[in-house]
Amino acid sequence: GALSINRRLDDCFKYLNLAVELEPTLEPLTDPD
């Protein structure tokens, strides 16, 4: 989320995918950050 705000989107998607690999919850889909 912080990387998204900072517009470092390559890194943002990297850590999003790592989080989903651990547990695929829907939380990112409503995250305002």
PDB file of all heavy atoms in Angstrom:
ATOM      1  N   GLY A   1       0.816  -1.211   0.000  1.00  0.00           N
ATOM      2  CA  GLY A   1       0.000   0.000   0.000  1.00  0.00           C
ATOM      3  C   GLY A   1       0.850   1.261   0.000  1.00  0.00           C
ATOM      4  O   GLY A   1       0.570   2.217  -0.744  1.00  0.00           O
ATOM      5  N   ALA A   2       1.881   1.287   0.827  1.00  0.00           N
ATOM      6  CA  ALA A   2       2.767   2.452   0.874  1.00  0.00           C
ATOM      7  C   ALA A   2       3.501   2.641  -0.454  1.00  0.00           C
ATOM      8  O   ALA A   2       3.681   3.768  -0.936  1.00  0.00           O
ATOM      9  CB  ALA A   2       3.764   2.305   2.016  1.00  0.00           C
ATOM     10  N   LEU A   3       3.915   1.538  -1.063  1.00  0.00           N
ATOM     11  CA  LEU A   3       4.588   1.609  -2.363  1.00  0.00           C
ATOM     12  C   LEU A   3       3.638   2.116  -3.448  1.00  0.00           C
ATOM     13  O   LEU A   3       4.050   2.843  -4.359  1.00  0.00           O
ATOM     14  CB  LEU A   3       5.142   0.238  -2.732  1.00  0.00           C
ATOM     15  CG  LEU A   3       6.321  -0.244  -1.878  1.00  0.00           C
ATOM     16  CD1 LEU A   3       6.540  -1.740  -2.067  1.00  0.00           C
ATOM     17  CD2 LEU A   3       7.600   0.537  -2.207  1.00  0.00           C
ATOM     18  N   SER A   4       2.363   1.742  -3.340  1.00  0.00           N
ATOM     19  CA  SER A   4       1.365   2.245  -4.282  1.00  0.00           C
ATOM     20  C   SER A   4       1.230   3.758  -4.169  1.00  0.00           C
ATOM     21  O   SER A   4       1.233   4.477  -5.181  1.00  0.00           O
ATOM     22  CB  SER A   4       0.012   1.570  -4.017  1.00  0.00           C
ATOM     23  OG  SER A   4      -1.023   2.190  -4.760  1.00  0.00           O
ATOM     24  N   ILE A   5       1.126   4.252  -2.941  1.00  0.00           N
ATOM     25  CA  ILE A   5       1.022   5.697  -2.729  1.00  0.00           C
ATOM     26  C   ILE A   5       2.249   6.402  -3.297  1.00  0.00           C
ATOM     27  O   ILE A   5       2.143   7.473  -3.905  1.00  0.00           O
ATOM     28  CB  ILE A   5       0.880   6.003  -1.226  1.00  0.00           C
ATOM     29  CG1 ILE A   5      -0.434   5.430  -0.692  1.00  0.00           C
ATOM     30  CG2 ILE A   5       0.934   7.505  -0.967  1.00  0.00           C
ATOM     31  CD1 ILE A   5      -0.557   5.476   0.820  1.00  0.00           C
ATOM     32  N   ASN A   6       3.400   5.782  -3.128  1.00  0.00           N
ATOM     33  CA  ASN A   6       4.667   6.352  -3.592  1.00  0.00           C
ATOM     34  C   ASN A   6       4.907   6.136  -5.086  1.00  0.00           C
ATOM     35  O   ASN A   6       5.930   6.526  -5.624  1.00  0.00           O
ATOM     36  CB  ASN A   6       5.818   5.734  -2.791  1.00  0.00           C
ATOM     37  CG  ASN A   6       7.049   6.621  -2.701  1.00  0.00           C
ATOM     38  OD1 ASN A   6       8.154   6.178  -2.968  1.00  0.00           O
ATOM     39  ND2 ASN A   6       6.876   7.877  -2.313  1.00  0.00           N
ATOM     40  N   ARG A   7       3.956   5.457  -5.738  1.00  0.00           N
ATOM     41  CA  ARG A   7       3.994   5.157  -7.173  1.00  0.00           C
ATOM     42  C   ARG A   7       5.178   4.274  -7.574  1.00  0.00           C
ATOM     43  O   ARG A   7       5.639   4.306  -8.717  1.00  0.00           O
ATOM     44  CB  ARG A   7       3.981   6.447  -8.004  1.00  0.00           C
ATOM     45  CG  ARG A   7       2.716   7.259  -7.804  1.00  0.00           C
ATOM     46  CD  ARG A   7       2.584   8.440  -8.721  1.00  0.00           C
ATOM     47  NE  ARG A   7       1.326   9.144  -8.476  1.00  0.00           N
ATOM     48  CZ  ARG A   7       0.151   8.793  -9.023  1.00  0.00           C
ATOM     49  NH1 ARG A   7       0.093   7.760  -9.845  1.00  0.00           N
ATOM     50  NH2 ARG A   7      -0.948   9.464  -8.748  1.00  0.00           N
ATOM     51  N   ARG A   8       5.634   3.468  -6.655  1.00  0.00           N
ATOM     52  CA  ARG A   8       6.650   2.443  -6.978  1.00  0.00           C
ATOM     53  C   ARG A   8       5.874   1.154  -7.283  1.00  0.00           C
ATOM     54  O   ARG A   8       5.827   0.209  -6.494  1.00  0.00           O
ATOM     55  CB  ARG A   8       7.595   2.270  -5.800  1.00  0.00           C
ATOM     56  CG  ARG A   8       8.534   3.454  -5.596  1.00  0.00           C
ATOM     57  CD  ARG A   8       9.368   3.318  -4.323  1.00  0.00           C
ATOM     58  NE  ARG A   8      10.057   2.035  -4.235  1.00  0.00           N
ATOM     59  CZ  ARG A   8      10.796   1.670  -3.178  1.00  0.00           C
ATOM     60  NH1 ARG A   8      10.930   2.500  -2.154  1.00  0.00           N
ATOM     61  NH2 ARG A   8      11.382   0.485  -3.151  1.00  0.00           N
ATOM     62  N   LEU A   9       5.267   1.118  -8.454  1.00  0.00           N
ATOM     63  CA  LEU A   9       4.279   0.080  -8.738  1.00  0.00           C
ATOM     64  C   LEU A   9       4.892  -1.282  -9.033  1.00  0.00           C
ATOM     65  O   LEU A   9       4.266  -2.308  -8.753  1.00  0.00           O
ATOM     66  CB  LEU A   9       3.371   0.537  -9.879  1.00  0.00           C
ATOM     67  CG  LEU A   9       2.528   1.780  -9.549  1.00  0.00           C
ATOM     68  CD1 LEU A   9       1.626   2.139 -10.708  1.00  0.00           C
ATOM     69  CD2 LEU A   9       1.707   1.562  -8.286  1.00  0.00           C
ATOM     70  N   ASP A  10       6.086  -1.333  -9.590  1.00  0.00           N
ATOM     71  CA  ASP A  10       6.731  -2.633  -9.792  1.00  0.00           C
ATOM     72  C   ASP A  10       6.897  -3.342  -8.452  1.00  0.00           C
ATOM     73  O   ASP A  10       6.565  -4.522  -8.300  1.00  0.00           O
ATOM     74  CB  ASP A  10       8.095  -2.470 -10.470  1.00  0.00           C
ATOM     75  CG  ASP A  10       7.988  -2.038 -11.922  1.00  0.00           C
ATOM     76  OD1 ASP A  10       6.875  -2.135 -12.481  1.00  0.00           O
ATOM     77  OD2 ASP A  10       9.006  -1.603 -12.483  1.00  0.00           O
ATOM     78  N   ASP A  11       7.433  -2.610  -7.465  1.00  0.00           N
ATOM     79  CA  ASP A  11       7.620  -3.191  -6.140  1.00  0.00           C
ATOM     80  C   ASP A  11       6.283  -3.469  -5.465  1.00  0.00           C
ATOM     81  O   ASP A  11       6.123  -4.470  -4.749  1.00  0.00           O
ATOM     82  CB  ASP A  11       8.448  -2.253  -5.264  1.00  0.00           C
ATOM     83  CG  ASP A  11       9.909  -2.195  -5.677  1.00  0.00           C
ATOM     84  OD1 ASP A  11      10.394  -3.184  -6.269  1.00  0.00           O
ATOM     85  OD2 ASP A  11      10.565  -1.168  -5.418  1.00  0.00           O
ATOM     86  N   CYS A  12       5.318  -2.603  -5.686  1.00  0.00           N
ATOM     87  CA  CYS A  12       3.985  -2.794  -5.103  1.00  0.00           C
ATOM     88  C   CYS A  12       3.410  -4.142  -5.517  1.00  0.00           C
ATOM     89  O   CYS A  12       2.961  -4.933  -4.662  1.00  0.00           O
ATOM     90  CB  CYS A  12       3.052  -1.660  -5.542  1.00  0.00           C
ATOM     91  SG  CYS A  12       1.311  -1.923  -5.117  1.00  0.00           S
ATOM     92  N   PHE A  13       3.418  -4.433  -6.790  1.00  0.00           N
ATOM     93  CA  PHE A  13       2.850  -5.704  -7.262  1.00  0.00           C
ATOM     94  C   PHE A  13       3.699  -6.894  -6.804  1.00  0.00           C
ATOM     95  O   PHE A  13       3.164  -7.981  -6.561  1.00  0.00           O
ATOM     96  CB  PHE A  13       2.692  -5.682  -8.779  1.00  0.00           C
ATOM     97  CG  PHE A  13       1.467  -4.930  -9.229  1.00  0.00           C
ATOM     98  CD1 PHE A  13       1.573  -3.637  -9.725  1.00  0.00           C
ATOM     99  CD2 PHE A  13       0.209  -5.505  -9.141  1.00  0.00           C
ATOM    100  CE1 PHE A  13       0.449  -2.933 -10.128  1.00  0.00           C
ATOM    101  CE2 PHE A  13      -0.919  -4.816  -9.534  1.00  0.00           C
ATOM    102  CZ  PHE A  13      -0.803  -3.524 -10.032  1.00  0.00           C
ATOM    103  N   LYS A  14       4.981  -6.695  -6.655  1.00  0.00           N
ATOM    104  CA  LYS A  14       5.850  -7.770  -6.143  1.00  0.00           C
ATOM    105  C   LYS A  14       5.386  -8.207  -4.761  1.00  0.00           C
ATOM    106  O   LYS A  14       5.185  -9.410  -4.508  1.00  0.00           O
ATOM    107  CB  LYS A  14       7.294  -7.282  -6.085  1.00  0.00           C
ATOM    108  CG  LYS A  14       8.227  -8.234  -5.332  1.00  0.00           C
ATOM    109  CD  LYS A  14       9.616  -7.621  -5.154  1.00  0.00           C
ATOM    110  CE  LYS A  14      10.494  -8.470  -4.240  1.00  0.00           C
ATOM    111  NZ  LYS A  14      11.843  -7.858  -4.062  1.00  0.00           N
ATOM    112  N   TYR A  15       5.178  -7.250  -3.866  1.00  0.00           N
ATOM    113  CA  TYR A  15       4.815  -7.607  -2.492  1.00  0.00           C
ATOM    114  C   TYR A  15       3.345  -8.012  -2.380  1.00  0.00           C
ATOM    115  O   TYR A  15       2.995  -8.833  -1.520  1.00  0.00           O
ATOM    116  CB  TYR A  15       5.168  -6.452  -1.548  1.00  0.00           C
ATOM    117  CG  TYR A  15       6.657  -6.280  -1.428  1.00  0.00           C
ATOM    118  CD1 TYR A  15       7.307  -5.208  -2.029  1.00  0.00           C
ATOM    119  CD2 TYR A  15       7.427  -7.220  -0.747  1.00  0.00           C
ATOM    120  CE1 TYR A  15       8.681  -5.064  -1.947  1.00  0.00           C
ATOM    121  CE2 TYR A  15       8.806  -7.088  -0.661  1.00  0.00           C
ATOM    122  CZ  TYR A  15       9.430  -6.009  -1.263  1.00  0.00           C
ATOM    123  OH  TYR A  15      10.806  -5.882  -1.189  1.00  0.00           O
ATOM    124  N   LEU A  16       2.502  -7.472  -3.243  1.00  0.00           N
ATOM    125  CA  LEU A  16       1.117  -7.941  -3.281  1.00  0.00           C
ATOM    126  C   LEU A  16       1.067  -9.427  -3.629  1.00  0.00           C
ATOM    127  O   LEU A  16       0.345 -10.204  -2.992  1.00  0.00           O
ATOM    128  CB  LEU A  16       0.312  -7.151  -4.314  1.00  0.00           C
ATOM    129  CG  LEU A  16      -0.287  -5.814  -3.884  1.00  0.00           C
ATOM    130  CD1 LEU A  16      -1.015  -5.175  -5.056  1.00  0.00           C
ATOM    131  CD2 LEU A  16      -1.239  -5.991  -2.701  1.00  0.00           C
ATOM    132  N   ASN A  17       1.812  -9.810  -4.622  1.00  0.00           N
ATOM    133  CA  ASN A  17       1.819 -11.222  -5.040  1.00  0.00           C
ATOM    134  C   ASN A  17       2.393 -12.130  -3.961  1.00  0.00           C
ATOM    135  O   ASN A  17       1.907 -13.243  -3.754  1.00  0.00           O
ATOM    136  CB  ASN A  17       2.593 -11.374  -6.353  1.00  0.00           C
ATOM    137  CG  ASN A  17       1.778 -10.920  -7.555  1.00  0.00           C
ATOM    138  OD1 ASN A  17       0.687 -11.417  -7.802  1.00  0.00           O
ATOM    139  ND2 ASN A  17       2.305  -9.974  -8.309  1.00  0.00           N
ATOM    140  N   LEU A  18       3.399 -11.644  -3.239  1.00  0.00           N
ATOM    141  CA  LEU A  18       3.952 -12.424  -2.136  1.00  0.00           C
ATOM    142  C   LEU A  18       2.911 -12.620  -1.034  1.00  0.00           C
ATOM    143  O   LEU A  18       2.784 -13.706  -0.458  1.00  0.00           O
ATOM    144  CB  LEU A  18       5.195 -11.735  -1.567  1.00  0.00           C
ATOM    145  CG  LEU A  18       6.453 -11.761  -2.444  1.00  0.00           C
ATOM    146  CD1 LEU A  18       7.550 -10.902  -1.814  1.00  0.00           C
ATOM    147  CD2 LEU A  18       6.941 -13.196  -2.631  1.00  0.00           C
ATOM    148  N   ALA A  19       2.136 -11.580  -0.762  1.00  0.00           N
ATOM    149  CA  ALA A  19       1.094 -11.680   0.263  1.00  0.00           C
ATOM    150  C   ALA A  19       0.010 -12.666  -0.152  1.00  0.00           C
ATOM    151  O   ALA A  19      -0.468 -13.468   0.661  1.00  0.00           O
ATOM    152  CB  ALA A  19       0.485 -10.307   0.526  1.00  0.00           C
ATOM    153  N   VAL A  20      -0.369 -12.635  -1.418  1.00  0.00           N
ATOM    154  CA  VAL A  20      -1.415 -13.538  -1.912  1.00  0.00           C
ATOM    155  C   VAL A  20      -0.938 -14.987  -1.875  1.00  0.00           C
ATOM    156  O   VAL A  20      -1.718 -15.903  -1.597  1.00  0.00           O
ATOM    157  CB  VAL A  20      -1.841 -13.139  -3.336  1.00  0.00           C
ATOM    158  CG1 VAL A  20      -2.768 -14.186  -3.948  1.00  0.00           C
ATOM    159  CG2 VAL A  20      -2.530 -11.782  -3.312  1.00  0.00           C
ATOM    160  N   GLU A  21       0.347 -15.207  -2.149  1.00  0.00           N
ATOM    161  CA  GLU A  21       0.888 -16.562  -2.073  1.00  0.00           C
ATOM    162  C   GLU A  21       0.757 -17.131  -0.657  1.00  0.00           C
ATOM    163  O   GLU A  21       0.530 -18.323  -0.477  1.00  0.00           O
ATOM    164  CB  GLU A  21       2.359 -16.561  -2.502  1.00  0.00           C
ATOM    165  CG  GLU A  21       2.561 -16.363  -3.996  1.00  0.00           C
ATOM    166  CD  GLU A  21       4.030 -16.263  -4.365  1.00  0.00           C
ATOM    167  OE1 GLU A  21       4.883 -16.535  -3.477  1.00  0.00           O
ATOM    168  OE2 GLU A  21       4.349 -15.905  -5.513  1.00  0.00           O
ATOM    169  N   LEU A  22       0.883 -16.269   0.348  1.00  0.00           N
ATOM    170  CA  LEU A  22       0.749 -16.715   1.736  1.00  0.00           C
ATOM    171  C   LEU A  22      -0.713 -16.994   2.085  1.00  0.00           C
ATOM    172  O   LEU A  22      -1.015 -17.981   2.754  1.00  0.00           O
ATOM    173  CB  LEU A  22       1.314 -15.645   2.687  1.00  0.00           C
ATOM    174  CG  LEU A  22       2.830 -15.462   2.660  1.00  0.00           C
ATOM    175  CD1 LEU A  22       3.227 -14.274   3.530  1.00  0.00           C
ATOM    176  CD2 LEU A  22       3.546 -16.721   3.142  1.00  0.00           C
ATOM    177  N   GLU A  23      -1.610 -16.113   1.660  1.00  0.00           N
ATOM    178  CA  GLU A  23      -3.032 -16.298   1.941  1.00  0.00           C
ATOM    179  C   GLU A  23      -3.848 -15.443   0.970  1.00  0.00           C
ATOM    180  O   GLU A  23      -3.760 -14.211   1.005  1.00  0.00           O
ATOM    181  CB  GLU A  23      -3.362 -15.903   3.377  1.00  0.00           C
ATOM    182  CG  GLU A  23      -4.814 -16.168   3.744  1.00  0.00           C
ATOM    183  CD  GLU A  23      -5.129 -15.730   5.166  1.00  0.00           C
ATOM    184  OE1 GLU A  23      -4.204 -15.275   5.871  1.00  0.00           O
ATOM    185  OE2 GLU A  23      -6.299 -15.835   5.564  1.00  0.00           O
ATOM    186  N   PRO A  24      -4.665 -16.066   0.119  1.00  0.00           N
ATOM    187  CA  PRO A  24      -5.431 -15.297  -0.873  1.00  0.00           C
ATOM    188  C   PRO A  24      -6.727 -14.714  -0.305  1.00  0.00           C
ATOM    189  O   PRO A  24      -7.824 -15.167  -0.605  1.00  0.00           O
ATOM    190  CB  PRO A  24      -5.717 -16.346  -1.949  1.00  0.00           C
ATOM    191  CG  PRO A  24      -5.808 -17.631  -1.193  1.00  0.00           C
ATOM    192  CD  PRO A  24      -4.805 -17.519  -0.077  1.00  0.00           C
ATOM    193  N   THR A  25      -6.613 -13.676   0.531  1.00  0.00           N
ATOM    194  CA  THR A  25      -7.804 -12.986   1.014  1.00  0.00           C
ATOM    195  C   THR A  25      -8.129 -11.835   0.069  1.00  0.00           C
ATOM    196  O   THR A  25      -7.273 -11.381  -0.708  1.00  0.00           O
ATOM    197  CB  THR A  25      -7.604 -12.430   2.431  1.00  0.00           C
ATOM    198  OG1 THR A  25      -6.669 -11.343   2.381  1.00  0.00           O
ATOM    199  CG2 THR A  25      -7.088 -13.517   3.370  1.00  0.00           C
ATOM    200  N   LEU A  26      -9.352 -11.344   0.170  1.00  0.00           N
ATOM    201  CA  LEU A  26      -9.812 -10.285  -0.733  1.00  0.00           C
ATOM    202  C   LEU A  26      -9.460  -8.884  -0.235  1.00  0.00           C
ATOM    203  O   LEU A  26      -9.793  -7.893  -0.883  1.00  0.00           O
ATOM    204  CB  LEU A  26     -11.330 -10.394  -0.915  1.00  0.00           C
ATOM    205  CG  LEU A  26     -11.830 -11.712  -1.515  1.00  0.00           C
ATOM    206  CD1 LEU A  26     -13.352 -11.720  -1.555  1.00  0.00           C
ATOM    207  CD2 LEU A  26     -11.253 -11.932  -2.913  1.00  0.00           C
ATOM    208  N   GLU A  27      -8.773  -8.789   0.872  1.00  0.00           N
ATOM    209  CA  GLU A  27      -8.472  -7.495   1.481  1.00  0.00           C
ATOM    210  C   GLU A  27      -7.837  -6.484   0.529  1.00  0.00           C
ATOM    211  O   GLU A  27      -8.216  -5.303   0.539  1.00  0.00           O
ATOM    212  CB  GLU A  27      -7.580  -7.711   2.703  1.00  0.00           C
ATOM    213  CG  GLU A  27      -7.289  -6.468   3.493  1.00  0.00           C
ATOM    214  CD  GLU A  27      -6.427  -6.742   4.705  1.00  0.00           C
ATOM    215  OE1 GLU A  27      -6.183  -7.928   5.030  1.00  0.00           O
ATOM    216  OE2 GLU A  27      -5.988  -5.769   5.342  1.00  0.00           O
ATOM    217  N   PRO A  28      -6.869  -6.885  -0.317  1.00  0.00           N
ATOM    218  CA  PRO A  28      -6.273  -5.881  -1.213  1.00  0.00           C
ATOM    219  C   PRO A  28      -7.275  -5.217  -2.155  1.00  0.00           C
ATOM    220  O   PRO A  28      -7.049  -4.090  -2.601  1.00  0.00           O
ATOM    221  CB  PRO A  28      -5.241  -6.697  -2.005  1.00  0.00           C
ATOM    222  CG  PRO A  28      -4.912  -7.856  -1.132  1.00  0.00           C
ATOM    223  CD  PRO A  28      -6.199  -8.193  -0.439  1.00  0.00           C
ATOM    224  N   LEU A  29      -8.384  -5.893  -2.449  1.00  0.00           N
ATOM    225  CA  LEU A  29      -9.322  -5.372  -3.438  1.00  0.00           C
ATOM    226  C   LEU A  29     -10.156  -4.209  -2.916  1.00  0.00           C
ATOM    227  O   LEU A  29     -10.815  -3.519  -3.690  1.00  0.00           O
ATOM    228  CB  LEU A  29     -10.233  -6.507  -3.923  1.00  0.00           C
ATOM    229  CG  LEU A  29      -9.489  -7.713  -4.511  1.00  0.00           C
ATOM    230  CD1 LEU A  29     -10.474  -8.727  -5.048  1.00  0.00           C
ATOM    231  CD2 LEU A  29      -8.502  -7.284  -5.596  1.00  0.00           C
ATOM    232  N   THR A  30     -10.125  -3.998  -1.593  1.00  0.00           N
ATOM    233  CA  THR A  30     -10.839  -2.851  -1.031  1.00  0.00           C
ATOM    234  C   THR A  30      -9.885  -1.902  -0.297  1.00  0.00           C
ATOM    235  O   THR A  30     -10.337  -0.976   0.373  1.00  0.00           O
ATOM    236  CB  THR A  30     -11.928  -3.319  -0.045  1.00  0.00           C
ATOM    237  OG1 THR A  30     -11.341  -4.112   0.996  1.00  0.00           O
ATOM    238  CG2 THR A  30     -12.997  -4.126  -0.761  1.00  0.00           C
ATOM    239  N   ASP A  31      -8.596  -2.121  -0.439  1.00  0.00           N
ATOM    240  CA  ASP A  31      -7.609  -1.313   0.282  1.00  0.00           C
ATOM    241  C   ASP A  31      -7.495   0.073  -0.363  1.00  0.00           C
ATOM    242  O   ASP A  31      -7.107   0.197  -1.526  1.00  0.00           O
ATOM    243  CB  ASP A  31      -6.249  -2.022   0.239  1.00  0.00           C
ATOM    244  CG  ASP A  31      -5.218  -1.358   1.133  1.00  0.00           C
ATOM    245  OD1 ASP A  31      -5.371  -0.170   1.451  1.00  0.00           O
ATOM    246  OD2 ASP A  31      -4.248  -2.042   1.509  1.00  0.00           O
ATOM    247  N   PRO A  32      -7.793   1.132   0.396  1.00  0.00           N
ATOM    248  CA  PRO A  32      -7.731   2.478  -0.192  1.00  0.00           C
ATOM    249  C   PRO A  32      -6.324   2.925  -0.548  1.00  0.00           C
ATOM    250  O   PRO A  32      -6.153   3.786  -1.416  1.00  0.00           O
ATOM    251  CB  PRO A  32      -8.335   3.365   0.909  1.00  0.00           C
ATOM    252  CG  PRO A  32      -8.133   2.595   2.171  1.00  0.00           C
ATOM    253  CD  PRO A  32      -8.261   1.155   1.787  1.00  0.00           C
ATOM    254  N   ASP A  33      -5.307   2.343   0.093  1.00  0.00           N
ATOM    255  CA  ASP A  33      -3.936   2.724  -0.252  1.00  0.00           C
ATOM    256  C   ASP A  33      -3.520   2.188  -1.614  1.00  0.00           C
ATOM    257  O   ASP A  33      -2.482   2.592  -2.151  1.00  0.00           O
ATOM    258  CB  ASP A  33      -2.960   2.216   0.814  1.00  0.00           C
ATOM    259  CG  ASP A  33      -2.990   3.066   2.083  1.00  0.00           C
ATOM    260  OD1 ASP A  33      -3.634   4.135   2.056  1.00  0.00           O
ATOM    261  OD2 ASP A  33      -2.383   2.654   3.090  1.00  0.00           O
TER     262      ASP A  33
END
